[in-house]
Each structure stands twice: as C-alpha cells, then as structure tokens.
Amino acid sequence: MLTLGTNKIMNLDLGQMQDLTSYRKIAIASWRHPRDPSTYAMLDLPVEPALAYLDACSSKTPLTLTHYVTKISPLITAMLMEHMAHTSYDASRRCSLIP
C-alpha cells in the first residue's frame, strides 16, 4: 500500500518522485470521475470475405458492411451463449469445456 511520503507500493520501488508540470496538474484537475462504464476497442479485421458475400447477394438496395454486421451480430451472440452454456470455470479460473 502507498504510504504518505514514500514511493513504495508494497514491495515495488518506483524510484524518485517527479514533479508535475502546471499543464499536467490542470489536466488532472479537469478530469471528472468516469460515469460511463462502457469500454471501447478497435479491431482490424479482414473484410474481403464479407464484401464478397455482399456482392454475391442480389438486392435492390446496395448492401454495406453495416448490413452484414447487423445480420451476423445476433448469430454470433447465439453461438457465444451456446458455447458459454458448455463452459465451466475450475478453481484456478482456467476455462475448460464440459464433456
């Protein structure tokens, strides 16, 4: 635990404490407590198979990746739920499949 006046957290020596610049102090003071529990991530996925599938589908309206993702999202969620139904966590928190 961090104790006042030291730079040690438990048994971790963090070295000499650095002074904060005025800019950093203002930035820290202007941050609010996060109220949104959302977590965002970026994925770099190959979309060529999806685009080929969309080109193969005949439709009056041109289909986009948004249409594709909207179509497959419930399918992926159902597959994930089915997988989780057959999954248990052992004492060491490693995922193992139930036979």
N, C-alpha and C. Protein backbone atom coordinates (compact mmCIF):
# COMPACT_ATOMS: atom_id res chain seq x y z
N MET A 1 0.84 -1.17 0.00
CA MET A 1 0.00 0.00 0.00
C MET A 1 0.89 1.23 0.00
N LEU A 2 0.45 2.29 -0.66
CA LEU A 2 1.20 3.52 -0.75
C LEU A 2 1.08 4.27 0.56
N THR A 3 2.19 4.58 1.16
CA THR A 3 2.18 5.37 2.39
C THR A 3 2.67 6.75 2.09
N LEU A 4 2.17 7.73 2.82
CA LEU A 4 2.47 9.13 2.59
C LEU A 4 3.97 9.38 2.71
N GLY A 5 4.52 10.06 1.73
CA GLY A 5 5.92 10.44 1.77
C GLY A 5 6.88 9.41 1.22
N THR A 6 6.37 8.30 0.74
CA THR A 6 7.26 7.29 0.17
C THR A 6 6.83 6.99 -1.26
N ASN A 7 7.71 6.38 -1.97
CA ASN A 7 7.42 5.97 -3.33
C ASN A 7 7.37 4.46 -3.42
N LYS A 8 6.90 3.82 -2.39
CA LYS A 8 6.83 2.36 -2.39
C LYS A 8 5.39 1.92 -2.33
N ILE A 9 5.04 1.03 -3.22
CA ILE A 9 3.75 0.36 -3.19
C ILE A 9 4.08 -1.09 -2.92
N MET A 10 3.66 -1.56 -1.77
CA MET A 10 4.02 -2.89 -1.30
C MET A 10 5.54 -3.05 -1.35
N ASN A 11 6.05 -3.91 -2.18
CA ASN A 11 7.49 -4.10 -2.25
C ASN A 11 8.06 -3.61 -3.57
N LEU A 12 7.38 -2.70 -4.23
CA LEU A 12 7.79 -2.19 -5.53
C LEU A 12 8.40 -0.81 -5.36
N ASP A 13 9.68 -0.65 -5.67
CA ASP A 13 10.34 0.64 -5.59
C ASP A 13 10.11 1.38 -6.89
N LEU A 14 9.43 2.50 -6.84
CA LEU A 14 9.07 3.25 -8.04
C LEU A 14 10.10 4.31 -8.40
N GLY A 15 11.12 4.47 -7.61
CA GLY A 15 12.15 5.46 -7.91
C GLY A 15 11.78 6.83 -7.38
N GLN A 16 12.52 7.82 -7.84
CA GLN A 16 12.34 9.19 -7.37
C GLN A 16 11.04 9.78 -7.91
N MET A 17 10.28 10.46 -7.07
CA MET A 17 9.03 11.08 -7.49
C MET A 17 9.34 12.29 -8.37
N GLN A 18 8.65 12.41 -9.48
CA GLN A 18 8.87 13.52 -10.40
C GLN A 18 7.85 14.61 -10.15
N ASP A 19 8.27 15.86 -10.30
CA ASP A 19 7.35 16.98 -10.16
C ASP A 19 6.44 17.05 -11.36
N LEU A 20 5.18 17.41 -11.13
CA LEU A 20 4.22 17.54 -12.22
C LEU A 20 4.28 18.95 -12.78
N THR A 21 4.14 19.05 -14.09
CA THR A 21 4.10 20.36 -14.72
C THR A 21 2.73 20.99 -14.45
N SER A 22 2.64 22.31 -14.62
CA SER A 22 1.37 23.01 -14.42
C SER A 22 0.31 22.48 -15.38
N TYR A 23 0.72 22.19 -16.61
CA TYR A 23 -0.21 21.65 -17.59
C TYR A 23 -0.80 20.33 -17.10
N ARG A 24 0.04 19.45 -16.57
CA ARG A 24 -0.42 18.15 -16.09
C ARG A 24 -1.35 18.31 -14.89
N LYS A 25 -1.04 19.24 -13.98
CA LYS A 25 -1.89 19.47 -12.81
C LYS A 25 -3.27 19.95 -13.24
N ILE A 26 -3.32 20.86 -14.22
CA ILE A 26 -4.61 21.35 -14.70
C ILE A 26 -5.38 20.23 -15.39
N ALA A 27 -4.68 19.42 -16.17
CA ALA A 27 -5.34 18.30 -16.87
C ALA A 27 -5.94 17.32 -15.87
N ILE A 28 -5.18 16.99 -14.84
CA ILE A 28 -5.69 16.04 -13.83
C ILE A 28 -6.88 16.64 -13.09
N ALA A 29 -6.80 17.93 -12.77
CA ALA A 29 -7.89 18.57 -12.02
C ALA A 29 -9.15 18.72 -12.86
N SER A 30 -9.01 18.76 -14.19
CA SER A 30 -10.19 18.94 -15.03
C SER A 30 -10.91 17.64 -15.35
N TRP A 31 -10.29 16.52 -15.04
CA TRP A 31 -10.95 15.23 -15.29
C TRP A 31 -12.03 14.98 -14.27
N ARG A 32 -13.13 14.45 -14.72
CA ARG A 32 -14.20 14.07 -13.81
C ARG A 32 -14.15 12.57 -13.59
N HIS A 33 -14.86 12.15 -12.56
CA HIS A 33 -14.98 10.73 -12.29
C HIS A 33 -15.75 10.10 -13.45
N PRO A 34 -15.27 9.00 -14.01
CA PRO A 34 -15.99 8.39 -15.15
C PRO A 34 -17.36 7.86 -14.75
N ARG A 35 -18.37 8.26 -15.50
CA ARG A 35 -19.73 7.81 -15.20
C ARG A 35 -20.21 6.77 -16.20
N ASP A 36 -19.51 6.67 -17.30
CA ASP A 36 -19.91 5.73 -18.34
C ASP A 36 -19.06 4.47 -18.21
N PRO A 37 -19.68 3.32 -17.91
CA PRO A 37 -18.90 2.10 -17.72
C PRO A 37 -18.52 1.41 -19.03
N SER A 38 -18.79 2.03 -20.15
CA SER A 38 -18.51 1.40 -21.44
C SER A 38 -17.01 1.28 -21.68
N THR A 39 -16.65 0.25 -22.38
CA THR A 39 -15.28 0.04 -22.81
C THR A 39 -15.27 -0.04 -24.32
N TYR A 40 -14.39 0.69 -24.93
CA TYR A 40 -14.33 0.73 -26.38
C TYR A 40 -13.03 0.09 -26.85
N ALA A 41 -13.09 -0.54 -27.99
CA ALA A 41 -11.90 -1.16 -28.58
C ALA A 41 -11.98 -1.03 -30.09
N MET A 42 -10.83 -1.12 -30.70
CA MET A 42 -10.77 -1.10 -32.17
C MET A 42 -10.24 -2.44 -32.64
N LEU A 43 -10.85 -2.96 -33.67
CA LEU A 43 -10.42 -4.22 -34.26
C LEU A 43 -10.03 -3.98 -35.71
N ASP A 44 -8.99 -4.64 -36.11
CA ASP A 44 -8.59 -4.60 -37.51
C ASP A 44 -8.88 -5.99 -38.08
N LEU A 45 -10.01 -6.11 -38.78
CA LEU A 45 -10.45 -7.40 -39.29
C LEU A 45 -10.43 -7.40 -40.82
N PRO A 46 -10.11 -8.55 -41.41
CA PRO A 46 -10.18 -8.63 -42.88
C PRO A 46 -11.65 -8.68 -43.31
N VAL A 47 -12.02 -7.81 -44.22
CA VAL A 47 -13.43 -7.72 -44.64
C VAL A 47 -13.65 -8.23 -46.06
N GLU A 48 -12.61 -8.72 -46.71
CA GLU A 48 -12.77 -9.18 -48.09
C GLU A 48 -13.81 -10.29 -48.22
N PRO A 49 -13.82 -11.32 -47.32
CA PRO A 49 -14.87 -12.34 -47.44
C PRO A 49 -16.28 -11.77 -47.27
N ALA A 50 -16.43 -10.82 -46.37
CA ALA A 50 -17.75 -10.21 -46.16
C ALA A 50 -18.17 -9.40 -47.38
N LEU A 51 -17.24 -8.66 -47.96
CA LEU A 51 -17.57 -7.89 -49.15
C LEU A 51 -17.91 -8.80 -50.33
N ALA A 52 -17.20 -9.92 -50.43
CA ALA A 52 -17.52 -10.89 -51.50
C ALA A 52 -18.92 -11.46 -51.30
N TYR A 53 -19.28 -11.74 -50.05
CA TYR A 53 -20.63 -12.25 -49.75
C TYR A 53 -21.67 -11.20 -50.11
N LEU A 54 -21.43 -9.95 -49.74
CA LEU A 54 -22.39 -8.88 -50.04
C LEU A 54 -22.53 -8.68 -51.54
N ASP A 55 -21.43 -8.80 -52.29
CA ASP A 55 -21.51 -8.67 -53.75
C ASP A 55 -22.32 -9.82 -54.36
N ALA A 56 -22.24 -11.00 -53.75
CA ALA A 56 -22.95 -12.17 -54.28
C ALA A 56 -24.45 -12.08 -54.00
N CYS A 57 -24.84 -11.36 -52.97
CA CYS A 57 -26.26 -11.21 -52.65
C CYS A 57 -26.90 -10.22 -53.62
N SER A 58 -28.04 -10.60 -54.15
CA SER A 58 -28.73 -9.69 -55.07
C SER A 58 -29.80 -8.93 -54.28
N SER A 59 -29.79 -7.63 -54.44
CA SER A 59 -30.74 -6.79 -53.72
C SER A 59 -30.94 -5.50 -54.49
N LYS A 60 -32.12 -4.89 -54.32
CA LYS A 60 -32.38 -3.60 -54.95
C LYS A 60 -31.53 -2.52 -54.30
N THR A 61 -31.35 -2.65 -52.99
CA THR A 61 -30.55 -1.69 -52.23
C THR A 61 -29.12 -2.20 -52.13
N PRO A 62 -28.13 -1.36 -52.40
CA PRO A 62 -26.75 -1.81 -52.24
C PRO A 62 -26.48 -2.15 -50.77
N LEU A 63 -25.94 -3.32 -50.53
CA LEU A 63 -25.67 -3.76 -49.17
C LEU A 63 -24.29 -3.29 -48.72
N THR A 64 -24.18 -2.93 -47.43
CA THR A 64 -22.93 -2.42 -46.89
C THR A 64 -22.47 -3.32 -45.74
N LEU A 65 -21.30 -3.02 -45.21
CA LEU A 65 -20.80 -3.77 -44.06
C LEU A 65 -21.70 -3.59 -42.84
N THR A 66 -22.38 -2.45 -42.75
CA THR A 66 -23.33 -2.25 -41.65
C THR A 66 -24.45 -3.27 -41.72
N HIS A 67 -24.96 -3.54 -42.92
CA HIS A 67 -25.99 -4.57 -43.09
C HIS A 67 -25.44 -5.93 -42.65
N TYR A 68 -24.22 -6.22 -43.06
CA TYR A 68 -23.59 -7.51 -42.75
C TYR A 68 -23.43 -7.69 -41.24
N VAL A 69 -22.91 -6.68 -40.57
CA VAL A 69 -22.69 -6.76 -39.12
C VAL A 69 -24.03 -6.87 -38.39
N THR A 70 -25.04 -6.14 -38.87
CA THR A 70 -26.37 -6.23 -38.26
C THR A 70 -26.95 -7.63 -38.41
N LYS A 71 -26.67 -8.27 -39.52
CA LYS A 71 -27.18 -9.63 -39.76
C LYS A 71 -26.45 -10.67 -38.91
N ILE A 72 -25.13 -10.56 -38.79
CA ILE A 72 -24.37 -11.62 -38.10
C ILE A 72 -24.28 -11.42 -36.59
N SER A 73 -24.53 -10.21 -36.08
CA SER A 73 -24.40 -9.97 -34.63
C SER A 73 -25.27 -10.90 -33.79
N PRO A 74 -26.56 -11.06 -34.09
CA PRO A 74 -27.36 -11.99 -33.27
C PRO A 74 -26.91 -13.44 -33.42
N LEU A 75 -26.42 -13.79 -34.62
CA LEU A 75 -25.95 -15.16 -34.83
C LEU A 75 -24.70 -15.43 -33.98
N ILE A 76 -23.79 -14.48 -33.95
CA ILE A 76 -22.57 -14.64 -33.15
C ILE A 76 -22.92 -14.68 -31.67
N THR A 77 -23.85 -13.83 -31.25
CA THR A 77 -24.26 -13.82 -29.84
C THR A 77 -24.87 -15.17 -29.45
N ALA A 78 -25.69 -15.73 -30.32
CA ALA A 78 -26.29 -17.04 -30.03
C ALA A 78 -25.22 -18.12 -29.94
N MET A 79 -24.24 -18.08 -30.86
CA MET A 79 -23.16 -19.06 -30.81
C MET A 79 -22.34 -18.91 -29.54
N LEU A 80 -22.09 -17.67 -29.12
CA LEU A 80 -21.33 -17.42 -27.90
C LEU A 80 -22.08 -17.93 -26.68
N MET A 81 -23.38 -17.68 -26.63
CA MET A 81 -24.19 -18.15 -25.50
C MET A 81 -24.21 -19.67 -25.44
N GLU A 82 -24.29 -20.31 -26.59
CA GLU A 82 -24.27 -21.77 -26.62
C GLU A 82 -22.92 -22.29 -26.14
N HIS A 83 -21.85 -21.64 -26.55
CA HIS A 83 -20.51 -22.04 -26.09
C HIS A 83 -20.39 -21.85 -24.59
N MET A 84 -20.90 -20.74 -24.08
CA MET A 84 -20.79 -20.46 -22.64
C MET A 84 -21.62 -21.44 -21.83
N ALA A 85 -22.68 -21.97 -22.41
CA ALA A 85 -23.51 -22.94 -21.70
C ALA A 85 -22.75 -24.24 -21.50
N HIS A 86 -21.78 -24.52 -22.36
CA HIS A 86 -20.99 -25.74 -22.26
C HIS A 86 -19.61 -25.49 -21.64
N THR A 87 -19.44 -24.34 -21.02
CA THR A 87 -18.15 -23.97 -20.46
C THR A 87 -18.28 -23.81 -18.95
N SER A 88 -17.28 -24.27 -18.23
CA SER A 88 -17.25 -24.05 -16.79
C SER A 88 -15.89 -23.50 -16.42
N TYR A 89 -15.82 -22.92 -15.25
CA TYR A 89 -14.56 -22.39 -14.76
C TYR A 89 -14.14 -23.22 -13.56
N ASP A 90 -12.92 -23.74 -13.63
CA ASP A 90 -12.44 -24.53 -12.50
C ASP A 90 -11.86 -23.61 -11.44
N ALA A 91 -11.33 -24.18 -10.36
CA ALA A 91 -10.86 -23.40 -9.22
C ALA A 91 -9.73 -22.45 -9.59
N SER A 92 -8.93 -22.80 -10.56
CA SER A 92 -7.80 -21.95 -10.92
C SER A 92 -8.20 -20.90 -11.97
N ARG A 93 -9.48 -20.78 -12.25
CA ARG A 93 -10.04 -19.78 -13.17
C ARG A 93 -9.64 -20.01 -14.61
N ARG A 94 -9.25 -21.21 -14.96
CA ARG A 94 -8.96 -21.53 -16.35
C ARG A 94 -10.23 -22.08 -16.98
N CYS A 95 -10.50 -21.66 -18.17
CA CYS A 95 -11.70 -22.12 -18.86
C CYS A 95 -11.52 -23.55 -19.33
N SER A 96 -12.49 -24.38 -19.05
CA SER A 96 -12.41 -25.77 -19.51
C SER A 96 -13.80 -26.18 -20.01
N LEU A 97 -13.82 -26.96 -21.07
CA LEU A 97 -15.08 -27.41 -21.64
C LEU A 97 -15.62 -28.60 -20.86
N ILE A 98 -16.94 -28.62 -20.68
CA ILE A 98 -17.60 -29.74 -20.03
C ILE A 98 -17.80 -30.82 -21.09
N PRO A 99 -17.36 -32.06 -20.83
CA PRO A 99 -17.55 -33.12 -21.85
C PRO A 99 -19.00 -33.52 -21.99
